[in-house]
């Protein structure tokens, strides 16, 4: 089987965060990944990263869930 699979990581907040709280953390994390310390860490650990804000991350996780469900269903590991 010719396949590529990447492992992603993320931070999750508790259910019920307000729009203002989400915007705050989007701002903090968005600035954090632009710092020299973060860039140095990425280079030192040879990681490939792509920062996604909360909305982009939600869309990405939804898409990943659909793709994995299709694969597992095709393999007969999930009943239709």
Protein backbone atom coordinates (compact mmCIF):
# COMPACT_ATOMS: atom_id res chain seq x y z
CA UNK A 1 0.00 0.00 0.00
CA UNK A 2 1.41 3.36 -1.01
CA UNK A 3 0.33 5.75 1.73
CA UNK A 4 1.46 8.89 3.48
CA UNK A 5 0.18 9.80 6.91
CA UNK A 6 1.23 12.75 8.97
CA UNK A 7 0.76 13.19 12.66
CA UNK A 8 -0.71 16.46 13.77
CA UNK A 9 -0.83 18.09 17.15
CA UNK A 10 -3.01 20.80 18.56
CA UNK A 11 -4.31 22.58 21.60
CA UNK A 12 -7.93 22.25 22.62
CA UNK A 13 -9.87 24.54 24.89
CA UNK A 14 -12.82 23.64 27.06
CA UNK A 15 -16.34 23.56 25.66
CA UNK A 16 -18.21 26.82 25.99
CA UNK A 17 -15.42 29.33 25.29
CA UNK A 18 -16.85 32.67 24.21
CA UNK A 19 -16.00 34.21 20.83
CA UNK A 20 -13.82 36.75 22.66
CA UNK A 21 -11.91 34.00 24.45
CA UNK A 22 -11.37 32.10 21.21
CA UNK A 23 -10.16 35.27 19.49
CA UNK A 24 -7.77 35.92 22.39
CA UNK A 25 -6.18 32.48 22.13
CA UNK A 26 -6.08 32.63 18.33
CA UNK A 27 -4.12 35.87 18.73
CA UNK A 28 -1.75 34.57 21.40
CA UNK A 29 -0.99 31.34 19.55
CA UNK A 30 -0.74 33.08 16.18
CA UNK A 31 1.90 35.43 17.60
CA UNK A 32 3.70 32.60 19.39
CA UNK A 33 4.41 30.66 16.20
CA UNK A 34 6.02 33.78 14.74
CA UNK A 35 8.60 34.12 17.52
CA UNK A 36 12.27 33.32 17.09
CA UNK A 37 12.06 30.78 19.91
CA UNK A 38 9.32 28.88 18.08
CA UNK A 39 11.13 29.03 14.75
CA UNK A 40 14.35 27.84 16.42
CA UNK A 41 12.45 24.93 18.01
CA UNK A 42 10.99 23.92 14.64
CA UNK A 43 14.41 24.01 13.02
CA UNK A 44 16.12 22.15 15.88
CA UNK A 45 13.51 19.37 15.97
CA UNK A 46 13.18 19.20 12.17
CA UNK A 47 9.41 19.40 12.40
CA UNK A 48 7.22 20.64 9.62
CA UNK A 49 4.49 22.85 10.95
CA UNK A 50 1.44 24.62 9.70
CA UNK A 51 -0.38 26.90 12.10
CA UNK A 52 -4.16 26.82 11.91
CA UNK A 53 -6.37 29.18 13.86
CA UNK A 54 -9.43 27.80 15.62
CA UNK A 55 -11.72 27.94 12.60
CA UNK A 56 -9.17 26.42 10.25
CA UNK A 57 -8.37 23.72 12.81
CA UNK A 58 -12.06 22.85 13.19
CA UNK A 59 -12.39 22.48 9.41
CA UNK A 60 -9.18 20.41 9.23
CA UNK A 61 -10.28 18.01 11.98
CA UNK A 62 -13.70 17.59 10.37
CA UNK A 63 -12.04 16.80 7.04
CA UNK A 64 -9.59 14.36 8.65
CA UNK A 65 -12.42 12.56 10.45
CA UNK A 66 -14.30 12.13 7.17
CA UNK A 67 -11.22 10.81 5.36
CA UNK A 68 -10.35 8.32 8.12
CA UNK A 69 -13.98 7.17 8.32
CA UNK A 70 -13.98 6.51 4.55
CA UNK A 71 -10.75 4.51 4.79
CA UNK A 72 -11.90 2.47 7.78
CA UNK A 73 -15.28 1.82 6.16
CA UNK A 74 -13.56 0.70 2.95
CA UNK A 75 -11.45 -1.72 4.98
CA UNK A 76 -14.59 -3.11 6.62
CA UNK A 77 -13.60 -1.83 10.04
CA UNK A 78 -16.64 0.44 10.33
CA UNK A 79 -20.12 -0.74 9.37
CA UNK A 80 -22.07 1.43 6.96
